Amino acid sequence: MGVRLRRSTRHELGVLLAACRSDTLTYEPSGGSLDGTTPPGLRRHQWTTALWGRDAFDRAVDALRGWVVHQGAGLEVAADGPIAVGTNVALNAPLPIGFIDATCRIVAVVDEPDRKGFAYGTLSVHPERGEEAFLVIRDDDGIVHFNIEAISQPTHPLARRVPAVADRLQDTAGRRYLAAMTAITA
């Protein structure tokens, strides 16, 4: 896992992305972020917000598919394909001081009329092990929600010793995703 004082360059993210193609997921089984199960040793975290505005559902789905939500939350993103099972992703995320690199692989795609999104799982370059799902859902009343479900456990030695700090960083990231999606769809 790469902790840096400066943001990764596009080239550095590209190198990280190329290296993760032969990597394997750091947890089993996959799919728990979407089906409600929490594998042993992992904890579940949830964030949700209602989205308002004309065409909020379509704009939110487009924002997920184009990584705009992640970018709006302050992350740099490099992916080796479209949102599809098997697509690898290299991320550079802000920390209170510095930045951290992470790699993930898309393990599930949700493409239903009123429910769209994806879940990605952690690869070896990641401060956590587990999975995170990003879903845009339109309920029976036409209200649109953006939901994030994570099942995870810290892997960085410092985060394992002080799990409250890891939880706080993960909560901050979740709230940044919500704020980005709210701004995009407003």
C-alpha atoms as a PDB file:
ATOM      1  CA  MET A   1       0.000   0.000   0.000  1.00  0.00           C
ATOM      2  CA  GLY A   2       1.415   3.346  -1.003  1.00  0.00           C
ATOM      3  CA  VAL A   3       1.073   6.269   1.389  1.00  0.00           C
ATOM      4  CA  ARG A   4       2.433   9.456  -0.177  1.00  0.00           C
ATOM      5  CA  LEU A   5       2.835  13.091   0.705  1.00  0.00           C
ATOM      6  CA  ARG A   6       1.774  14.093  -2.803  1.00  0.00           C
ATOM      7  CA  ARG A   7      -0.949  12.892  -5.150  1.00  0.00           C
ATOM      8  CA  SER A   8      -0.021  10.036  -7.523  1.00  0.00           C
ATOM      9  CA  THR A   9       0.547  11.085 -11.112  1.00  0.00           C
ATOM     10  CA  ARG A  10      -1.526   9.605 -13.941  1.00  0.00           C
ATOM     11  CA  HIS A  11       1.573   7.631 -14.947  1.00  0.00           C
ATOM     12  CA  GLU A  12       2.017   6.226 -11.417  1.00  0.00           C
ATOM     13  CA  LEU A  13      -1.650   5.229 -11.300  1.00  0.00           C
ATOM     14  CA  GLY A  14      -1.235   3.564 -14.702  1.00  0.00           C
ATOM     15  CA  VAL A  15       1.717   1.531 -13.416  1.00  0.00           C
ATOM     16  CA  LEU A  16      -0.306   0.537 -10.332  1.00  0.00           C
ATOM     17  CA  LEU A  17      -3.260  -0.427 -12.540  1.00  0.00           C
ATOM     18  CA  ALA A  18      -1.089  -2.594 -14.794  1.00  0.00           C
ATOM     19  CA  ALA A  19       0.433  -4.344 -11.766  1.00  0.00           C
ATOM     20  CA  CYS A  20      -2.952  -5.207 -10.219  1.00  0.00           C
ATOM     21  CA  ARG A  21      -4.254  -7.129 -13.239  1.00  0.00           C
ATOM     22  CA  SER A  22      -2.728 -10.371 -11.998  1.00  0.00           C
ATOM     23  CA  ASP A  23      -3.687  -9.721  -8.363  1.00  0.00           C
ATOM     24  CA  THR A  24      -6.395 -11.594  -6.434  1.00  0.00           C
ATOM     25  CA  LEU A  25      -9.094 -10.333  -4.087  1.00  0.00           C
ATOM     26  CA  THR A  26      -8.017 -10.016  -0.455  1.00  0.00           C
ATOM     27  CA  TYR A  27     -11.226 -11.479   0.986  1.00  0.00           C
ATOM     28  CA  GLU A  28     -13.817 -14.208   0.383  1.00  0.00           C
ATOM     29  CA  PRO A  29     -16.559 -14.622  -0.579  1.00  0.00           C
ATOM     30  CA  SER A  30     -17.385 -11.702  -2.833  1.00  0.00           C
ATOM     31  CA  GLY A  31     -20.874 -10.206  -3.084  1.00  0.00           C
ATOM     32  CA  GLY A  32     -21.548  -9.509   0.578  1.00  0.00           C
ATOM     33  CA  SER A  33     -21.874  -5.766   0.101  1.00  0.00           C
ATOM     34  CA  LEU A  34     -24.879  -6.385  -2.140  1.00  0.00           C
ATOM     35  CA  ASP A  35     -26.545  -9.422  -0.583  1.00  0.00           C
ATOM     36  CA  GLY A  36     -26.457  -8.258   3.033  1.00  0.00           C
ATOM     37  CA  THR A  37     -24.078 -10.922   4.341  1.00  0.00           C
ATOM     38  CA  THR A  38     -21.022  -9.914   6.318  1.00  0.00           C
ATOM     39  CA  PRO A  39     -18.192 -12.467   6.160  1.00  0.00           C
ATOM     40  CA  PRO A  40     -16.429 -13.296   9.444  1.00  0.00           C
ATOM     41  CA  GLY A  41     -13.861 -10.698  10.464  1.00  0.00           C
ATOM     42  CA  LEU A  42     -15.384  -7.907   8.362  1.00  0.00           C
ATOM     43  CA  ARG A  43     -17.652  -5.104   9.586  1.00  0.00           C
ATOM     44  CA  ARG A  44     -20.532  -3.502   7.714  1.00  0.00           C
ATOM     45  CA  HIS A  45     -20.738   0.251   7.146  1.00  0.00           C
ATOM     46  CA  GLN A  46     -23.587   2.066   5.378  1.00  0.00           C
ATOM     47  CA  TRP A  47     -24.161   5.558   4.036  1.00  0.00           C
ATOM     48  CA  THR A  48     -27.221   6.829   2.212  1.00  0.00           C
ATOM     49  CA  THR A  49     -28.747  10.045   0.977  1.00  0.00           C
ATOM     50  CA  ALA A  50     -31.826  11.051  -0.970  1.00  0.00           C
ATOM     51  CA  LEU A  51     -31.188  12.767  -4.298  1.00  0.00           C
ATOM     52  CA  TRP A  52     -33.357  15.535  -5.630  1.00  0.00           C
ATOM     53  CA  GLY A  53     -33.645  17.331  -8.881  1.00  0.00           C
ATOM     54  CA  ARG A  54     -34.895  16.665 -12.337  1.00  0.00           C
ATOM     55  CA  ASP A  55     -33.600  13.402 -13.783  1.00  0.00           C
ATOM     56  CA  ALA A  56     -31.668  12.674 -10.570  1.00  0.00           C
ATOM     57  CA  PHE A  57     -31.718   8.910 -11.214  1.00  0.00           C
ATOM     58  CA  ASP A  58     -30.207   9.169 -14.699  1.00  0.00           C
ATOM     59  CA  ARG A  59     -27.629  11.767 -13.682  1.00  0.00           C
ATOM     60  CA  ALA A  60     -26.615   9.711 -10.649  1.00  0.00           C
ATOM     61  CA  VAL A  61     -26.188   6.559 -12.742  1.00  0.00           C
ATOM     62  CA  ASP A  62     -24.089   8.460 -15.295  1.00  0.00           C
ATOM     63  CA  ALA A  63     -21.946   9.857 -12.469  1.00  0.00           C
ATOM     64  CA  LEU A  64     -21.267   6.341 -11.161  1.00  0.00           C
ATOM     65  CA  ARG A  65     -20.479   4.940 -14.602  1.00  0.00           C
ATOM     66  CA  GLY A  66     -18.030   7.753 -15.363  1.00  0.00           C
ATOM     67  CA  TRP A  67     -16.285   7.687 -11.946  1.00  0.00           C
ATOM     68  CA  VAL A  68     -17.483  11.286 -11.449  1.00  0.00           C
ATOM     69  CA  VAL A  69     -18.635  10.547  -7.880  1.00  0.00           C
ATOM     70  CA  HIS A  70     -15.194   9.243  -6.954  1.00  0.00           C
ATOM     71  CA  GLN A  71     -13.499  12.213  -8.584  1.00  0.00           C
ATOM     72  CA  GLY A  72     -15.933  14.584  -6.860  1.00  0.00           C
ATOM     73  CA  ALA A  73     -14.949  12.991  -3.539  1.00  0.00           C
ATOM     74  CA  GLY A  74     -11.330  13.909  -4.238  1.00  0.00           C
ATOM     75  CA  LEU A  75     -10.001  10.651  -5.676  1.00  0.00           C
ATOM     76  CA  GLU A  76      -7.926  10.186  -8.799  1.00  0.00           C
ATOM     77  CA  VAL A  77      -9.161   7.149 -10.740  1.00  0.00           C
ATOM     78  CA  ALA A  78      -7.634   4.934 -13.423  1.00  0.00           C
ATOM     79  CA  ALA A  79      -9.662   1.990 -14.726  1.00  0.00           C
ATOM     80  CA  ASP A  80      -8.766  -0.583 -17.366  1.00  0.00           C
ATOM     81  CA  GLY A  81     -12.263  -0.700 -18.830  1.00  0.00           C
ATOM     82  CA  PRO A  82     -15.888   0.298 -18.369  1.00  0.00           C
ATOM     83  CA  ILE A  83     -17.969  -0.569 -15.321  1.00  0.00           C
ATOM     84  CA  ALA A  84     -18.092  -4.353 -15.758  1.00  0.00           C
ATOM     85  CA  VAL A  85     -17.242  -7.412 -13.710  1.00  0.00           C
ATOM     86  CA  GLY A  86     -13.483  -7.887 -13.847  1.00  0.00           C
ATOM     87  CA  THR A  87     -12.545  -4.261 -14.494  1.00  0.00           C
ATOM     88  CA  ASN A  88      -9.568  -3.224 -12.378  1.00  0.00           C
ATOM     89  CA  VAL A  89      -9.324   0.185 -10.749  1.00  0.00           C
ATOM     90  CA  ALA A  90      -6.383   2.102  -9.268  1.00  0.00           C
ATOM     91  CA  LEU A  91      -7.283   4.937  -6.918  1.00  0.00           C
ATOM     92  CA  ASN A  92      -5.405   7.690  -5.142  1.00  0.00           C
ATOM     93  CA  ALA A  93      -7.350   9.038  -2.174  1.00  0.00           C
ATOM     94  CA  PRO A  94      -6.724  12.012   0.105  1.00  0.00           C
ATOM     95  CA  LEU A  95      -5.853  11.495   3.755  1.00  0.00           C
ATOM     96  CA  PRO A  96      -5.798  14.212   6.421  1.00  0.00           C
ATOM     97  CA  ILE A  97      -2.092  14.459   5.594  1.00  0.00           C
ATOM     98  CA  GLY A  98      -0.989  13.040   2.273  1.00  0.00           C
ATOM     99  CA  PHE A  99      -2.581  10.484  -0.035  1.00  0.00           C
ATOM    100  CA  ILE A 100      -2.978   6.727  -0.266  1.00  0.00           C
ATOM    101  CA  ASP A 101      -3.011   4.419  -3.280  1.00  0.00           C
ATOM    102  CA  ALA A 102      -5.490   1.560  -3.540  1.00  0.00           C
ATOM    103  CA  THR A 103      -6.463  -1.078  -6.079  1.00  0.00           C
ATOM    104  CA  CYS A 104      -9.830  -2.774  -6.536  1.00  0.00           C
ATOM    105  CA  ARG A 105     -11.649  -5.057  -8.967  1.00  0.00           C
ATOM    106  CA  ILE A 106     -15.325  -4.789  -9.895  1.00  0.00           C
ATOM    107  CA  VAL A 107     -16.986  -7.970  -8.620  1.00  0.00           C
ATOM    108  CA  ALA A 108     -20.640  -7.225  -9.405  1.00  0.00           C
ATOM    109  CA  VAL A 109     -22.744  -4.917 -11.557  1.00  0.00           C
ATOM    110  CA  VAL A 110     -26.379  -4.112 -10.805  1.00  0.00           C
ATOM    111  CA  ASP A 111     -28.408  -3.154 -13.874  1.00  0.00           C
ATOM    112  CA  GLU A 112     -32.108  -3.237 -13.028  1.00  0.00           C
ATOM    113  CA  PRO A 113     -34.703  -0.662 -14.131  1.00  0.00           C
ATOM    114  CA  ASP A 114     -34.774   1.121 -10.741  1.00  0.00           C
ATOM    115  CA  ARG A 115     -31.495  -0.094  -9.226  1.00  0.00           C
ATOM    116  CA  LYS A 116     -28.082   0.466 -10.792  1.00  0.00           C
ATOM    117  CA  GLY A 117     -24.512   0.418  -9.615  1.00  0.00           C
ATOM    118  CA  PHE A 118     -21.574  -1.815  -8.872  1.00  0.00           C
ATOM    119  CA  ALA A 119     -19.435  -3.332  -6.157  1.00  0.00           C
ATOM    120  CA  TYR A 120     -15.684  -3.540  -6.102  1.00  0.00           C
ATOM    121  CA  GLY A 121     -13.426  -5.650  -3.947  1.00  0.00           C
ATOM    122  CA  THR A 122     -10.014  -4.884  -2.557  1.00  0.00           C
ATOM    123  CA  LEU A 123      -6.786  -6.131  -4.076  1.00  0.00           C
ATOM    124  CA  SER A 124      -3.405  -6.309  -2.318  1.00  0.00           C
ATOM    125  CA  VAL A 125      -2.661  -2.568  -2.603  1.00  0.00           C
ATOM    126  CA  HIS A 126      -5.396  -1.271  -0.304  1.00  0.00           C
ATOM    127  CA  PRO A 127      -5.566  -0.099   3.341  1.00  0.00           C
ATOM    128  CA  GLU A 128      -8.602  -2.330   3.940  1.00  0.00           C
ATOM    129  CA  ARG A 129      -9.748  -5.750   2.889  1.00  0.00           C
ATOM    130  CA  GLY A 130     -13.332  -6.138   1.784  1.00  0.00           C
ATOM    131  CA  GLU A 131     -15.871  -4.765  -0.615  1.00  0.00           C
ATOM    132  CA  GLU A 132     -17.816  -1.595  -1.305  1.00  0.00           C
ATOM    133  CA  ALA A 133     -21.044  -1.231  -3.295  1.00  0.00           C
ATOM    134  CA  PHE A 134     -22.348   1.987  -4.839  1.00  0.00           C
ATOM    135  CA  LEU A 135     -26.046   1.896  -5.747  1.00  0.00           C
ATOM    136  CA  VAL A 136     -28.552   4.348  -7.157  1.00  0.00           C
ATOM    137  CA  ILE A 137     -32.085   3.231  -6.267  1.00  0.00           C
ATOM    138  CA  ARG A 138     -35.451   4.680  -7.270  1.00  0.00           C
ATOM    139  CA  ASP A 139     -38.174   3.534  -4.857  1.00  0.00           C
ATOM    140  CA  ASP A 140     -41.867   2.946  -5.608  1.00  0.00           C
ATOM    141  CA  ASP A 141     -42.640   6.608  -4.810  1.00  0.00           C
ATOM    142  CA  GLY A 142     -40.052   7.820  -7.328  1.00  0.00           C
ATOM    143  CA  ILE A 143     -37.617   9.010  -4.654  1.00  0.00           C
ATOM    144  CA  VAL A 144     -33.991   8.425  -5.621  1.00  0.00           C
ATOM    145  CA  HIS A 145     -31.405   7.279  -3.089  1.00  0.00           C
ATOM    146  CA  PHE A 146     -27.664   6.872  -3.328  1.00  0.00           C
ATOM    147  CA  ASN A 147     -26.524   4.014  -1.079  1.00  0.00           C
ATOM    148  CA  ILE A 148     -23.044   2.870  -0.203  1.00  0.00           C
ATOM    149  CA  GLU A 149     -22.534  -0.462   1.575  1.00  0.00           C
ATOM    150  CA  ALA A 150     -19.082  -1.529   2.719  1.00  0.00           C
ATOM    151  CA  ILE A 151     -17.899  -4.676   4.397  1.00  0.00           C
ATOM    152  CA  SER A 152     -14.320  -4.285   5.467  1.00  0.00           C
ATOM    153  CA  GLN A 153     -11.486  -4.643   7.923  1.00  0.00           C
ATOM    154  CA  PRO A 154      -8.341  -2.495   8.161  1.00  0.00           C
ATOM    155  CA  THR A 155      -5.141  -4.147   6.926  1.00  0.00           C
ATOM    156  CA  HIS A 156      -2.595  -1.393   7.546  1.00  0.00           C
ATOM    157  CA  PRO A 157      -0.773  -2.179  10.836  1.00  0.00           C
ATOM    158  CA  LEU A 158      -1.444   1.258  12.325  1.00  0.00           C
ATOM    159  CA  ALA A 159      -5.136   1.102  11.386  1.00  0.00           C
ATOM    160  CA  ARG A 160      -5.416  -2.356  12.953  1.00  0.00           C
ATOM    161  CA  ARG A 161      -3.970  -1.000  16.221  1.00  0.00           C
ATOM    162  CA  VAL A 162      -6.287   2.012  16.234  1.00  0.00           C
ATOM    163  CA  PRO A 163      -9.469   0.844  14.455  1.00  0.00           C
ATOM    164  CA  ALA A 164     -11.398   3.966  15.499  1.00  0.00           C
ATOM    165  CA  VAL A 165      -9.100   6.038  13.270  1.00  0.00           C
ATOM    166  CA  ALA A 166      -9.654   3.663  10.342  1.00  0.00           C
ATOM    167  CA  ASP A 167     -13.424   3.838  10.901  1.00  0.00           C
ATOM    168  CA  ARG A 168     -13.288   7.620  10.979  1.00  0.00           C
ATOM    169  CA  LEU A 169     -11.339   7.759   7.698  1.00  0.00           C
ATOM    170  CA  GLN A 170     -13.766   5.335   6.073  1.00  0.00           C
ATOM    171  CA  ASP A 171     -16.737   7.346   7.342  1.00  0.00           C
ATOM    172  CA  THR A 172     -15.182  10.546   5.985  1.00  0.00           C
ATOM    173  CA  ALA A 173     -14.759   8.882   2.584  1.00  0.00           C
ATOM    174  CA  GLY A 174     -18.382   7.680   2.604  1.00  0.00           C
ATOM    175  CA  ARG A 175     -19.636  11.159   3.424  1.00  0.00           C
ATOM    176  CA  ARG A 176     -17.476  12.656   0.665  1.00  0.00           C
ATOM    177  CA  TYR A 177     -19.073  10.269  -1.854  1.00  0.00           C
ATOM    178  CA  LEU A 178     -22.542  11.316  -0.650  1.00  0.00           C
ATOM    179  CA  ALA A 179     -21.679  15.013  -0.856  1.00  0.00           C
ATOM    180  CA  ALA A 180     -20.243  14.582  -4.363  1.00  0.00           C
ATOM    181  CA  MET A 181     -23.338  12.732  -5.590  1.00  0.00           C
ATOM    182  CA  THR A 182     -25.638  15.322  -3.993  1.00  0.00           C
ATOM    183  CA  ALA A 183     -23.770  18.146  -5.747  1.00  0.00           C
ATOM    184  CA  ILE A 184     -23.781  16.304  -9.082  1.00  0.00           C
ATOM    185  CA  THR A 185     -27.530  15.698  -9.064  1.00  0.00           C
ATOM    186  CA  ALA A 186     -28.685  18.993  -7.503  1.00  0.00           C
END
